[in-house]
Amino acid sequence: MTYKVLVIDDSRFARKTIASIINKDPLFEVVGIATDGQDALNKLKVITPDIITLDLEMPIMDGITALPEIVKKCQVPILIVSSLSKEGADITINALSLGAADFITKPSGSALEVPVIEKELMKKLKALVNLKTKGDISDKFCFPRDIKIKKDYYPVIEHTSKIVLFGISTGGPSSLARIIPKLSPNLDATFLIVQHMPEHFTKSFAERLDSISELSVKEVEDGDVLRKGAILIARGGSHLTLEQSKNGIIARLNNDDKMNGHKPSVDKMYFSAAKLNVPNKIISIIMTGMGSDGAEGTAAIHTKGGITIAQNEETCIVYGMPKAAVSKGVIDHVAALDDIPILLSKIIQES
């Protein structure tokens, strides 16, 4: 079977590069190219793609304006092609909240970048095209509406508090947007998330999650003390680790080399958590994503007496990272996406 792709981009270089990369793979064929959102909507009257790549900054009709209309017209995954700028990050996170499935960063015009873009593009296309998108695709990818209720005070965690660690990649933004609003700020726990994302994108993502959560959500800063009812998002381009201090357990950022091809790495956070002197207070959750980042760290937490959870295959956008951890035999609980907050609450309250 050959999967049909519609490429939407106003840059001639980007269109040519993306189409050339895709057409080299026998599993895919570019069946349409559009130069802006309106052109894409017209193309969708005569072609039926299996997946779409979408630029966001375009004349006539930009990607953000076109995205809801495209989602209405065809229930297929949409892969955003974004710039690496702060502005590009903000727009991309908005696009993910409106129903886009994932994103890659855009080739700048340098031929030297093409091999890197090629690997990332094809990896994500192959993962997303296998999604079962029957019914309304917004059920999978759109974020819930904003929540304005917030607590005024977030105390430092105590010796009884749980430290909940999420590791997630492809499909992460929409999955986290499903479960974070369901977490109660009254739980005796603090939360940290490693989501594979570039620099700039994690800050925008943290701000978006904060707007839909009763918990406080922010991008981590070096030296942040872990607090109850608060969520720290690992910063893109830096590793997040945990260490003991006289003020409690604090978050640290470091510039070590990539681990498992990622920075931040789930394993890096998990390994540091396993070294804390409260290993039985750790809960790790490995969720949707390609590859195996987090599997070794999950094993380390399991060995030290922490509780380990994996998202089930049926609700993963990509069953890679959870599968790697499950295959090691180090998972205590397997849960569907929407059941994770329920399971977490039960574990925390029972302890």
C-alpha atoms as a PDB file:
ATOM      1  CA  MET A   1       0.000   0.000   0.000  1.00  0.00           C
ATOM      2  CA  THR A   2       1.195   3.501  -0.846  1.00  0.00           C
ATOM      3  CA  TYR A   3       0.233   6.353   1.491  1.00  0.00           C
ATOM      4  CA  LYS A   4      -0.806   9.611  -0.159  1.00  0.00           C
ATOM      5  CA  VAL A   5       0.643  12.871   1.178  1.00  0.00           C
ATOM      6  CA  LEU A   6      -0.425  16.494   0.724  1.00  0.00           C
ATOM      7  CA  VAL A   7       2.420  18.996   1.283  1.00  0.00           C
ATOM      8  CA  ILE A   8       1.377  22.549   2.231  1.00  0.00           C
ATOM      9  CA  ASP A   9       4.122  25.203   2.333  1.00  0.00           C
ATOM     10  CA  ASP A  10       4.733  28.616   0.788  1.00  0.00           C
ATOM     11  CA  SER A  11       8.525  28.115   0.597  1.00  0.00           C
ATOM     12  CA  ARG A  12       9.669  26.670  -2.711  1.00  0.00           C
ATOM     13  CA  PHE A  13      12.790  25.221  -1.068  1.00  0.00           C
ATOM     14  CA  ALA A  14      10.769  23.579   1.719  1.00  0.00           C
ATOM     15  CA  ARG A  15       8.173  22.165  -0.699  1.00  0.00           C
ATOM     16  CA  LYS A  16      10.843  20.742  -2.978  1.00  0.00           C
ATOM     17  CA  THR A  17      12.870  19.315  -0.078  1.00  0.00           C
ATOM     18  CA  ILE A  18       9.911  17.729   1.705  1.00  0.00           C
ATOM     19  CA  ALA A  19       8.381  16.282  -1.474  1.00  0.00           C
ATOM     20  CA  SER A  20      11.741  14.896  -2.621  1.00  0.00           C
ATOM     21  CA  ILE A  21      12.342  13.200   0.738  1.00  0.00           C
ATOM     22  CA  ILE A  22       8.865  11.681   0.845  1.00  0.00           C
ATOM     23  CA  ASN A  23       8.878  10.431  -2.738  1.00  0.00           C
ATOM     24  CA  LYS A  24      12.136   8.533  -2.148  1.00  0.00           C
ATOM     25  CA  ASP A  25      10.286   6.172   0.188  1.00  0.00           C
ATOM     26  CA  PRO A  26       8.202   3.554  -1.687  1.00  0.00           C
ATOM     27  CA  LEU A  27       5.585   3.609   1.087  1.00  0.00           C
ATOM     28  CA  PHE A  28       4.672   7.232   0.339  1.00  0.00           C
ATOM     29  CA  GLU A  29       3.683   9.382  -2.610  1.00  0.00           C
ATOM     30  CA  VAL A  30       3.142  13.132  -2.689  1.00  0.00           C
ATOM     31  CA  VAL A  31      -0.184  13.501  -4.498  1.00  0.00           C
ATOM     32  CA  GLY A  32      -0.606  17.225  -4.006  1.00  0.00           C
ATOM     33  CA  ILE A  33       1.343  20.397  -3.225  1.00  0.00           C
ATOM     34  CA  ALA A  34      -0.312  23.585  -1.951  1.00  0.00           C
ATOM     35  CA  THR A  35       1.266  27.000  -1.420  1.00  0.00           C
ATOM     36  CA  ASP A  36      -1.094  28.280   1.291  1.00  0.00           C
ATOM     37  CA  GLY A  37      -4.117  27.297   3.354  1.00  0.00           C
ATOM     38  CA  GLN A  38      -6.715  28.319   0.801  1.00  0.00           C
ATOM     39  CA  ASP A  39      -4.892  26.457  -1.945  1.00  0.00           C
ATOM     40  CA  ALA A  40      -4.857  23.395   0.317  1.00  0.00           C
ATOM     41  CA  LEU A  41      -8.606  23.562   0.958  1.00  0.00           C
ATOM     42  CA  ASN A  42      -9.171  23.724  -2.799  1.00  0.00           C
ATOM     43  CA  LYS A  43      -6.871  20.740  -3.358  1.00  0.00           C
ATOM     44  CA  LEU A  44      -8.777  18.736  -0.736  1.00  0.00           C
ATOM     45  CA  LYS A  45     -11.894  18.976  -2.914  1.00  0.00           C
ATOM     46  CA  VAL A  46     -10.242  16.700  -5.465  1.00  0.00           C
ATOM     47  CA  ILE A  47      -7.663  14.616  -3.568  1.00  0.00           C
ATOM     48  CA  THR A  48      -7.919  12.432  -0.461  1.00  0.00           C
ATOM     49  CA  PRO A  49      -4.556  12.226   1.326  1.00  0.00           C
ATOM     50  CA  ASP A  50      -3.680   9.785   4.097  1.00  0.00           C
ATOM     51  CA  ILE A  51      -1.525  12.353   5.880  1.00  0.00           C
ATOM     52  CA  ILE A  52      -0.736  16.069   5.529  1.00  0.00           C
ATOM     53  CA  THR A  53       2.358  18.186   6.202  1.00  0.00           C
ATOM     54  CA  LEU A  54       1.449  21.784   7.043  1.00  0.00           C
ATOM     55  CA  ASP A  55       3.533  24.943   7.243  1.00  0.00           C
ATOM     56  CA  LEU A  56       2.061  27.580   9.567  1.00  0.00           C
ATOM     57  CA  GLU A  57       3.425  30.918   8.374  1.00  0.00           C
ATOM     58  CA  MET A  58       2.004  31.465   4.874  1.00  0.00           C
ATOM     59  CA  PRO A  59       0.354  34.323   2.933  1.00  0.00           C
ATOM     60  CA  ILE A  60      -3.322  34.483   1.873  1.00  0.00           C
ATOM     61  CA  MET A  61      -4.382  31.884   4.481  1.00  0.00           C
ATOM     62  CA  ASP A  62      -1.918  30.787   7.147  1.00  0.00           C
ATOM     63  CA  GLY A  63      -1.729  27.326   8.662  1.00  0.00           C
ATOM     64  CA  ILE A  64      -3.448  28.213  11.937  1.00  0.00           C
ATOM     65  CA  THR A  65      -6.461  29.603  10.067  1.00  0.00           C
ATOM     66  CA  ALA A  66      -6.588  26.640   7.705  1.00  0.00           C
ATOM     67  CA  LEU A  67      -6.015  23.920  10.300  1.00  0.00           C
ATOM     68  CA  PRO A  68      -9.548  23.713  11.782  1.00  0.00           C
ATOM     69  CA  GLU A  69     -11.025  23.652   8.272  1.00  0.00           C
ATOM     70  CA  ILE A  70      -8.627  20.923   7.179  1.00  0.00           C
ATOM     71  CA  VAL A  71      -9.491  18.852  10.267  1.00  0.00           C
ATOM     72  CA  LYS A  72     -13.197  19.185   9.400  1.00  0.00           C
ATOM     73  CA  LYS A  73     -12.631  18.118   5.790  1.00  0.00           C
ATOM     74  CA  CYS A  74     -10.455  15.060   6.327  1.00  0.00           C
ATOM     75  CA  GLN A  75      -9.850  12.866   9.341  1.00  0.00           C
ATOM     76  CA  VAL A  76      -6.123  12.286   8.804  1.00  0.00           C
ATOM     77  CA  PRO A  77      -3.029  13.086  10.881  1.00  0.00           C
ATOM     78  CA  ILE A  78      -1.491  16.507  10.257  1.00  0.00           C
ATOM     79  CA  LEU A  79       2.258  16.977  10.760  1.00  0.00           C
ATOM     80  CA  ILE A  80       3.282  20.584  11.362  1.00  0.00           C
ATOM     81  CA  VAL A  81       6.481  21.855   9.727  1.00  0.00           C
ATOM     82  CA  SER A  82       7.641  24.682  11.996  1.00  0.00           C
ATOM     83  CA  SER A  83      10.452  27.202  12.323  1.00  0.00           C
ATOM     84  CA  LEU A  84      12.753  26.922  15.359  1.00  0.00           C
ATOM     85  CA  SER A  85      12.077  30.493  16.539  1.00  0.00           C
ATOM     86  CA  LYS A  86      10.232  31.465  19.720  1.00  0.00           C
ATOM     87  CA  GLU A  87       7.385  32.761  17.539  1.00  0.00           C
ATOM     88  CA  GLY A  88       7.370  29.490  15.605  1.00  0.00           C
ATOM     89  CA  ALA A  89       7.184  27.568  18.878  1.00  0.00           C
ATOM     90  CA  ASP A  90       4.168  29.534  20.115  1.00  0.00           C
ATOM     91  CA  ILE A  91       2.281  29.030  16.857  1.00  0.00           C
ATOM     92  CA  THR A  92       3.179  25.327  16.757  1.00  0.00           C
ATOM     93  CA  ILE A  93       1.872  24.674  20.273  1.00  0.00           C
ATOM     94  CA  ASN A  94      -1.329  26.479  19.265  1.00  0.00           C
ATOM     95  CA  ALA A  95      -1.568  24.220  16.203  1.00  0.00           C
ATOM     96  CA  LEU A  96      -1.157  21.115  18.357  1.00  0.00           C
ATOM     97  CA  SER A  97      -3.986  22.347  20.568  1.00  0.00           C
ATOM     98  CA  LEU A  98      -6.205  22.703  17.479  1.00  0.00           C
ATOM     99  CA  GLY A  99      -5.758  19.128  16.309  1.00  0.00           C
ATOM    100  CA  ALA A 100      -2.350  18.728  14.654  1.00  0.00           C
ATOM    101  CA  ALA A 101      -0.755  15.378  15.491  1.00  0.00           C
ATOM    102  CA  ASP A 102       2.923  16.323  15.807  1.00  0.00           C
ATOM    103  CA  PHE A 103       5.599  18.615  14.377  1.00  0.00           C
ATOM    104  CA  ILE A 104       9.090  18.742  12.931  1.00  0.00           C
ATOM    105  CA  THR A 105      11.321  21.785  12.566  1.00  0.00           C
ATOM    106  CA  LYS A 106      11.643  23.297   9.118  1.00  0.00           C
ATOM    107  CA  PRO A 107      14.703  23.124   6.835  1.00  0.00           C
ATOM    108  CA  SER A 108      16.290  26.583   6.826  1.00  0.00           C
ATOM    109  CA  GLY A 109      17.575  26.514   3.277  1.00  0.00           C
ATOM    110  CA  SER A 110      20.862  24.764   3.951  1.00  0.00           C
ATOM    111  CA  ALA A 111      21.473  21.494   2.108  1.00  0.00           C
ATOM    112  CA  LEU A 112      23.523  20.370   5.127  1.00  0.00           C
ATOM    113  CA  GLU A 113      20.330  20.084   7.184  1.00  0.00           C
ATOM    114  CA  VAL A 114      18.494  17.823   4.748  1.00  0.00           C
ATOM    115  CA  PRO A 115      19.769  14.451   6.099  1.00  0.00           C
ATOM    116  CA  VAL A 116      18.672  15.399   9.628  1.00  0.00           C
ATOM    117  CA  ILE A 117      15.271  16.595   8.421  1.00  0.00           C
ATOM    118  CA  GLU A 118      14.870  13.477   6.257  1.00  0.00           C
ATOM    119  CA  LYS A 119      15.331  11.081   9.171  1.00  0.00           C
ATOM    120  CA  GLU A 120      12.945  12.977  11.444  1.00  0.00           C
ATOM    121  CA  LEU A 121      10.306  13.538   8.764  1.00  0.00           C
ATOM    122  CA  MET A 122      10.088   9.921   7.648  1.00  0.00           C
ATOM    123  CA  LYS A 123      10.189   8.584  11.191  1.00  0.00           C
ATOM    124  CA  LYS A 124       7.192  10.705  12.143  1.00  0.00           C
ATOM    125  CA  LEU A 125       5.255  10.130   8.927  1.00  0.00           C
ATOM    126  CA  LYS A 126       5.563   6.357   9.354  1.00  0.00           C
ATOM    127  CA  ALA A 127       4.447   6.550  12.973  1.00  0.00           C
ATOM    128  CA  LEU A 128       1.479   8.829  12.332  1.00  0.00           C
ATOM    129  CA  VAL A 129       0.132   7.239   9.158  1.00  0.00           C
ATOM    130  CA  ASN A 130      -0.620   4.039  11.059  1.00  0.00           C
ATOM    131  CA  LEU A 131      -2.977   5.813  13.439  1.00  0.00           C
ATOM    132  CA  LYS A 132      -6.537   4.561  13.543  1.00  0.00           C
ATOM    133  CA  THR A 133      -8.312   7.869  13.017  1.00  0.00           C
ATOM    134  CA  LYS A 134     -11.859   6.654  12.652  1.00  0.00           C
ATOM    135  CA  GLY A 135     -14.351   9.191  13.915  1.00  0.00           C
ATOM    136  CA  ASP A 136     -13.514  12.736  14.975  1.00  0.00           C
ATOM    137  CA  ILE A 137      -9.762  13.284  14.949  1.00  0.00           C
ATOM    138  CA  SER A 138     -10.203  16.025  17.550  1.00  0.00           C
ATOM    139  CA  ASP A 139     -10.883  13.256  20.077  1.00  0.00           C
ATOM    140  CA  LYS A 140      -7.236  12.277  19.692  1.00  0.00           C
ATOM    141  CA  PHE A 141      -5.438  15.566  19.302  1.00  0.00           C
ATOM    142  CA  CYS A 142      -7.373  18.694  20.337  1.00  0.00           C
ATOM    143  CA  PHE A 143      -6.701  20.260  23.746  1.00  0.00           C
ATOM    144  CA  PRO A 144      -9.517  20.977  26.240  1.00  0.00           C
ATOM    145  CA  ARG A 145     -10.600  24.532  27.004  1.00  0.00           C
ATOM    146  CA  ASP A 146      -8.735  26.775  29.427  1.00  0.00           C
ATOM    147  CA  ILE A 147      -9.156  26.372  33.186  1.00  0.00           C
ATOM    148  CA  LYS A 148      -8.735  29.528  35.244  1.00  0.00           C
ATOM    149  CA  ILE A 149      -8.940  28.121  38.803  1.00  0.00           C
ATOM    150  CA  LYS A 150      -5.545  28.051  40.534  1.00  0.00           C
ATOM    151  CA  LYS A 151      -4.282  27.526  44.050  1.00  0.00           C
ATOM    152  CA  ASP A 152      -2.403  30.449  45.590  1.00  0.00           C
ATOM    153  CA  TYR A 153       0.265  28.441  47.403  1.00  0.00           C
ATOM    154  CA  TYR A 154       2.394  25.433  46.501  1.00  0.00           C
ATOM    155  CA  PRO A 155       4.269  24.108  49.576  1.00  0.00           C
ATOM    156  CA  VAL A 156       7.589  22.294  49.377  1.00  0.00           C
ATOM    157  CA  ILE A 157       7.079  18.531  49.216  1.00  0.00           C
ATOM    158  CA  GLU A 158       7.369  16.566  52.463  1.00  0.00           C
ATOM    159  CA  HIS A 159       8.942  13.174  53.181  1.00  0.00           C
ATOM    160  CA  THR A 160       5.526  11.570  52.567  1.00  0.00           C
ATOM    161  CA  SER A 161       5.028  13.199  49.161  1.00  0.00           C
ATOM    162  CA  LYS A 162       5.204  11.218  45.925  1.00  0.00           C
ATOM    163  CA  ILE A 163       7.416  12.353  43.059  1.00  0.00           C
ATOM    164  CA  VAL A 164       5.638  11.564  39.790  1.00  0.00           C
ATOM    165  CA  LEU A 165       7.789  11.447  36.659  1.00  0.00           C
ATOM    166  CA  PHE A 166       6.309  11.413  33.147  1.00  0.00           C
ATOM    167  CA  GLY A 167       8.403  10.380  30.144  1.00  0.00           C
ATOM    168  CA  ILE A 168       6.794  10.974  26.759  1.00  0.00           C
ATOM    169  CA  SER A 169       7.530  11.758  23.111  1.00  0.00           C
ATOM    170  CA  THR A 170       5.484  11.449  19.883  1.00  0.00           C
ATOM    171  CA  GLY A 171       1.828  12.156  20.634  1.00  0.00           C
ATOM    172  CA  GLY A 172       2.796  13.660  23.967  1.00  0.00           C
ATOM    173  CA  PRO A 173       1.251  17.140  23.800  1.00  0.00           C
ATOM    174  CA  SER A 174      -2.297  15.940  23.120  1.00  0.00           C
ATOM    175  CA  SER A 175      -1.953  12.999  25.523  1.00  0.00           C
ATOM    176  CA  LEU A 176      -0.730  15.194  28.371  1.00  0.00           C
ATOM    177  CA  ALA A 177      -3.488  17.694  27.606  1.00  0.00           C
ATOM    178  CA  ARG A 178      -5.972  14.868  28.206  1.00  0.00           C
ATOM    179  CA  ILE A 179      -4.639  13.806  31.605  1.00  0.00           C
ATOM    180  CA  ILE A 180      -3.059  16.867  33.262  1.00  0.00           C
ATOM    181  CA  PRO A 181      -6.421  18.679  33.721  1.00  0.00           C
ATOM    182  CA  LYS A 182      -7.688  15.579  35.562  1.00  0.00           C
ATOM    183  CA  LEU A 183      -4.977  15.741  38.249  1.00  0.00           C
ATOM    184  CA  SER A 184      -6.127  17.234  41.551  1.00  0.00           C
ATOM    185  CA  PRO A 185      -3.940  19.977  43.091  1.00  0.00           C
ATOM    186  CA  ASN A 186      -4.744  18.454  46.487  1.00  0.00           C
ATOM    187  CA  LEU A 187      -2.724  15.296  45.813  1.00  0.00           C
ATOM    188  CA  ASP A 188       0.329  14.893  48.052  1.00  0.00           C
ATOM    189  CA  ALA A 189       2.648  14.822  45.066  1.00  0.00           C
ATOM    190  CA  THR A 190       4.828  16.823  42.739  1.00  0.00           C
ATOM    191  CA  PHE A 191       5.091  16.181  39.007  1.00  0.00           C
ATOM    192  CA  LEU A 192       7.900  16.408  36.453  1.00  0.00           C
ATOM    193  CA  ILE A 193       7.644  15.829  32.707  1.00  0.00           C
ATOM    194  CA  VAL A 194      10.257  15.078  30.080  1.00  0.00           C
ATOM    195  CA  GLN A 195       8.620  15.654  26.699  1.00  0.00           C
ATOM    196  CA  HIS A 196      10.953  15.353  23.716  1.00  0.00           C
ATOM    197  CA  MET A 197      10.869  18.873  22.256  1.00  0.00           C
ATOM    198  CA  PRO A 198      13.399  21.447  21.017  1.00  0.00           C
ATOM    199  CA  GLU A 199      14.377  24.613  22.862  1.00  0.00           C
ATOM    200  CA  HIS A 200      11.655  27.330  22.960  1.00  0.00           C
ATOM    201  CA  PHE A 201       8.901  24.784  22.373  1.00  0.00           C
ATOM    202  CA  THR A 202       8.886  23.483  25.956  1.00  0.00           C
ATOM    203  CA  LYS A 203       8.263  26.927  27.440  1.00  0.00           C
ATOM    204  CA  SER A 204       5.325  27.510  25.104  1.00  0.00           C
ATOM    205  CA  PHE A 205       4.031  24.012  25.860  1.00  0.00           C
ATOM    206  CA  ALA A 206       4.295  24.562  29.625  1.00  0.00           C
ATOM    207  CA  GLU A 207       2.336  27.809  29.337  1.00  0.00           C
ATOM    208  CA  ARG A 208      -0.368  26.066  27.299  1.00  0.00           C
ATOM    209  CA  LEU A 209      -0.670  23.201  29.806  1.00  0.00           C
ATOM    210  CA  ASP A 210      -0.802  25.716  32.652  1.00  0.00           C
ATOM    211  CA  SER A 211      -3.848  27.325  31.050  1.00  0.00           C
ATOM    212  CA  ILE A 212      -5.818  24.054  31.153  1.00  0.00           C
ATOM    213  CA  SER A 213      -4.678  22.722  34.530  1.00  0.00           C
ATOM    214  CA  GLU A 214      -5.596  23.398  38.144  1.00  0.00           C
ATOM    215  CA  LEU A 215      -1.982  22.628  38.979  1.00  0.00           C
ATOM    216  CA  SER A 216       0.804  25.130  38.414  1.00  0.00           C
ATOM    217  CA  VAL A 217       2.758  24.217  35.253  1.00  0.00           C
ATOM    218  CA  LYS A 218       6.029  25.871  34.247  1.00  0.00           C
ATOM    219  CA  GLU A 219       9.219  25.180  32.351  1.00  0.00           C
ATOM    220  CA  VAL A 220      11.856  24.128  34.868  1.00  0.00           C
ATOM    221  CA  GLU A 221      14.608  26.479  35.997  1.00  0.00           C
ATOM    222  CA  ASP A 222      17.865  25.273  37.503  1.00  0.00           C
ATOM    223  CA  GLY A 223      17.490  24.977  41.275  1.00  0.00           C
ATOM    224  CA  ASP A 224      13.682  24.826  41.370  1.00  0.00           C
ATOM    225  CA  VAL A 225      12.514  23.205  44.617  1.00  0.00           C
ATOM    226  CA  LEU A 226       9.900  20.489  44.100  1.00  0.00           C
ATOM    227  CA  ARG A 227       6.497  21.638  45.355  1.00  0.00           C
ATOM    228  CA  LYS A 228       3.178  19.915  45.946  1.00  0.00           C
ATOM    229  CA  GLY A 229       0.545  20.575  43.309  1.00  0.00           C
ATOM    230  CA  ALA A 230       3.118  21.824  40.822  1.00  0.00           C
ATOM    231  CA  ILE A 231       4.388  20.467  37.497  1.00  0.00           C
ATOM    232  CA  LEU A 232       7.820  21.151  36.026  1.00  0.00           C
ATOM    233  CA  ILE A 233       8.424  20.629  32.296  1.00  0.00           C
ATOM    234  CA  ALA A 234      11.980  19.758  31.229  1.00  0.00           C
ATOM    235  CA  ARG A 235      13.582  22.464  29.104  1.00  0.00           C
ATOM    236  CA  GLY A 236      14.289  21.626  25.473  1.00  0.00           C
ATOM    237  CA  GLY A 237      18.023  21.369  24.829  1.00  0.00           C
ATOM    238  CA  SER A 238      18.896  20.577  28.476  1.00  0.00           C
ATOM    239  CA  HIS A 239      18.720  17.470  30.639  1.00  0.00           C
ATOM    240  CA  LEU A 240      16.572  17.551  33.792  1.00  0.00           C
ATOM    241  CA  THR A 241      17.907  15.736  36.866  1.00  0.00           C
ATOM    242  CA  LEU A 242      16.968  15.632  40.552  1.00  0.00           C
ATOM    243  CA  GLU A 243      19.181  15.964  43.607  1.00  0.00           C
ATOM    244  CA  GLN A 244      18.920  16.327  47.375  1.00  0.00           C
ATOM    245  CA  SER A 245      19.652  19.710  48.963  1.00  0.00           C
ATOM    246  CA  LYS A 246      19.227  21.334  52.370  1.00  0.00           C
ATOM    247  CA  ASN A 247      16.048  22.947  51.012  1.00  0.00           C
ATOM    248  CA  GLY A 248      14.571  19.655  49.821  1.00  0.00           C
ATOM    249  CA  ILE A 249      14.731  17.906  46.475  1.00  0.00           C
ATOM    250  CA  ILE A 250      15.618  20.295  43.673  1.00  0.00           C
ATOM    251  CA  ALA A 251      15.632  20.179  39.890  1.00  0.00           C
ATOM    252  CA  ARG A 252      18.883  20.626  38.037  1.00  0.00           C
ATOM    253  CA  LEU A 253      19.594  21.412  34.390  1.00  0.00           C
ATOM    254  CA  ASN A 254      22.767  20.194  32.732  1.00  0.00           C
ATOM    255  CA  ASN A 255      24.344  20.290  29.321  1.00  0.00           C
ATOM    256  CA  ASP A 256      25.590  16.694  29.063  1.00  0.00           C
ATOM    257  CA  ASP A 257      25.546  15.006  25.664  1.00  0.00           C
ATOM    258  CA  LYS A 258      22.302  13.589  24.320  1.00  0.00           C
ATOM    259  CA  MET A 259      21.166  10.297  25.807  1.00  0.00           C
ATOM    260  CA  ASN A 260      19.314   7.875  23.521  1.00  0.00           C
ATOM    261  CA  GLY A 261      19.448  10.640  20.920  1.00  0.00           C
ATOM    262  CA  HIS A 262      17.478  13.052  23.103  1.00  0.00           C
ATOM    263  CA  LYS A 263      18.058  16.135  25.213  1.00  0.00           C
ATOM    264  CA  PRO A 264      16.137  16.211  27.478  1.00  0.00           C
ATOM    265  CA  SER A 265      16.190  12.460  27.985  1.00  0.00           C
ATOM    266  CA  VAL A 266      13.668  10.475  30.007  1.00  0.00           C
ATOM    267  CA  ASP A 267      16.375   8.056  31.133  1.00  0.00           C
ATOM    268  CA  LYS A 268      18.506  10.936  32.431  1.00  0.00           C
ATOM    269  CA  MET A 269      15.702  12.094  34.725  1.00  0.00           C
ATOM    270  CA  TYR A 270      14.739   8.572  35.779  1.00  0.00           C
ATOM    271  CA  PHE A 271      18.334   7.571  36.643  1.00  0.00           C
ATOM    272  CA  SER A 272      18.761  10.646  38.841  1.00  0.00           C
ATOM    273  CA  ALA A 273      15.459   9.939  40.617  1.00  0.00           C
ATOM    274  CA  ALA A 274      16.519   6.355  41.330  1.00  0.00           C
ATOM    275  CA  LYS A 275      19.591   7.712  43.170  1.00  0.00           C
ATOM    276  CA  LEU A 276      17.546   9.832  45.616  1.00  0.00           C
ATOM    277  CA  ASN A 277      17.261   8.602  49.198  1.00  0.00           C
ATOM    278  CA  VAL A 278      13.470   8.322  48.797  1.00  0.00           C
ATOM    279  CA  PRO A 279      13.241   5.744  45.976  1.00  0.00           C
ATOM    280  CA  ASN A 280       9.977   4.279  47.279  1.00  0.00           C
ATOM    281  CA  LYS A 281       8.352   7.699  46.801  1.00  0.00           C
ATOM    282  CA  ILE A 282       9.024   7.701  43.057  1.00  0.00           C
ATOM    283  CA  ILE A 283       6.282   6.937  40.517  1.00  0.00           C
ATOM    284  CA  SER A 284       7.432   6.754  36.891  1.00  0.00           C
ATOM    285  CA  ILE A 285       5.030   6.815  33.955  1.00  0.00           C
ATOM    286  CA  ILE A 286       6.321   5.940  30.494  1.00  0.00           C
ATOM    287  CA  MET A 287       3.972   7.038  27.741  1.00  0.00           C
ATOM    288  CA  THR A 288       3.504   7.263  23.979  1.00  0.00           C
ATOM    289  CA  GLY A 289       6.634   7.776  21.921  1.00  0.00           C
ATOM    290  CA  MET A 290       9.086   6.293  19.436  1.00  0.00           C
ATOM    291  CA  GLY A 291      12.234   4.506  20.495  1.00  0.00           C
ATOM    292  CA  SER A 292      13.229   3.222  23.916  1.00  0.00           C
ATOM    293  CA  ASP A 293      14.175   6.308  25.939  1.00  0.00           C
ATOM    294  CA  GLY A 294      13.093   5.712  29.535  1.00  0.00           C
ATOM    295  CA  ALA A 295      13.228   1.908  29.526  1.00  0.00           C
ATOM    296  CA  GLU A 296      16.556   1.601  31.362  1.00  0.00           C
ATOM    297  CA  GLY A 297      15.608   4.345  33.804  1.00  0.00           C
ATOM    298  CA  THR A 298      12.280   2.649  34.488  1.00  0.00           C
ATOM    299  CA  ALA A 299      14.205  -0.515  35.353  1.00  0.00           C
ATOM    300  CA  ALA A 300      16.417   1.457  37.756  1.00  0.00           C
ATOM    301  CA  ILE A 301      13.393   2.943  39.533  1.00  0.00           C
ATOM    302  CA  HIS A 302      11.720  -0.467  39.695  1.00  0.00           C
ATOM    303  CA  THR A 303      14.848  -2.037  41.213  1.00  0.00           C
ATOM    304  CA  LYS A 304      14.978   0.665  43.921  1.00  0.00           C
ATOM    305  CA  GLY A 305      11.354   0.064  44.940  1.00  0.00           C
ATOM    306  CA  GLY A 306       9.602   2.814  43.017  1.00  0.00           C
ATOM    307  CA  ILE A 307       6.246   2.295  41.296  1.00  0.00           C
ATOM    308  CA  THR A 308       6.315   2.004  37.504  1.00  0.00           C
ATOM    309  CA  ILE A 309       3.432   2.610  35.098  1.00  0.00           C
ATOM    310  CA  ALA A 310       3.230   2.219  31.311  1.00  0.00           C
ATOM    311  CA  GLN A 311       0.552   3.508  28.952  1.00  0.00           C
ATOM    312  CA  ASN A 312      -1.193   0.655  27.148  1.00  0.00           C
ATOM    313  CA  GLU A 313      -0.673  -0.038  23.464  1.00  0.00           C
ATOM    314  CA  GLU A 314      -4.276   0.702  22.467  1.00  0.00           C
ATOM    315  CA  THR A 315      -4.161   4.361  23.565  1.00  0.00           C
ATOM    316  CA  CYS A 316      -0.579   5.179  22.514  1.00  0.00           C
ATOM    317  CA  ILE A 317      -0.072   7.267  19.397  1.00  0.00           C
ATOM    318  CA  VAL A 318       3.196   5.330  19.050  1.00  0.00           C
ATOM    319  CA  TYR A 319       3.779   2.232  21.185  1.00  0.00           C
ATOM    320  CA  GLY A 320       7.556   2.413  21.327  1.00  0.00           C
ATOM    321  CA  MET A 321       8.824   3.732  24.657  1.00  0.00           C
ATOM    322  CA  PRO A 322       6.198   1.894  26.764  1.00  0.00           C
ATOM    323  CA  LYS A 323       6.793  -1.314  24.807  1.00  0.00           C
ATOM    324  CA  ALA A 324      10.531  -1.143  25.519  1.00  0.00           C
ATOM    325  CA  ALA A 325       9.879  -0.794  29.256  1.00  0.00           C
ATOM    326  CA  VAL A 326       7.197  -3.511  29.327  1.00  0.00           C
ATOM    327  CA  SER A 327       9.520  -5.915  27.497  1.00  0.00           C
ATOM    328  CA  LYS A 328      12.020  -5.575  30.343  1.00  0.00           C
ATOM    329  CA  GLY A 329       9.468  -6.895  32.835  1.00  0.00           C
ATOM    330  CA  VAL A 330       9.800  -3.844  35.089  1.00  0.00           C
ATOM    331  CA  ILE A 331       6.279  -2.382  34.867  1.00  0.00           C
ATOM    332  CA  ASP A 332       3.935  -2.608  37.872  1.00  0.00           C
ATOM    333  CA  HIS A 333       0.823  -1.213  36.173  1.00  0.00           C
ATOM    334  CA  VAL A 334      -0.354  -0.851  32.561  1.00  0.00           C
ATOM    335  CA  ALA A 335      -3.118   1.718  32.043  1.00  0.00           C
ATOM    336  CA  ALA A 336      -5.131   3.338  29.272  1.00  0.00           C
ATOM    337  CA  LEU A 337      -4.486   7.050  28.771  1.00  0.00           C
ATOM    338  CA  ASP A 338      -7.663   8.270  30.461  1.00  0.00           C
ATOM    339  CA  ASP A 339      -7.180   5.842  33.362  1.00  0.00           C
ATOM    340  CA  ILE A 340      -3.723   7.147  34.287  1.00  0.00           C
ATOM    341  CA  PRO A 341      -5.014  10.043  36.481  1.00  0.00           C
ATOM    342  CA  ILE A 342      -7.384   7.634  38.269  1.00  0.00           C
ATOM    343  CA  LEU A 343      -4.593   5.136  38.908  1.00  0.00           C
ATOM    344  CA  LEU A 344      -2.231   7.875  40.079  1.00  0.00           C
ATOM    345  CA  SER A 345      -4.782   9.280  42.526  1.00  0.00           C
ATOM    346  CA  LYS A 346      -5.415   5.822  43.945  1.00  0.00           C
ATOM    347  CA  ILE A 347      -1.711   5.061  44.418  1.00  0.00           C
ATOM    348  CA  ILE A 348      -0.979   8.444  46.007  1.00  0.00           C
ATOM    349  CA  GLN A 349      -3.968   8.372  48.350  1.00  0.00           C
ATOM    350  CA  GLU A 350      -3.354   4.785  49.448  1.00  0.00           C
ATOM    351  CA  SER A 351       0.239   5.582  50.348  1.00  0.00           C
END
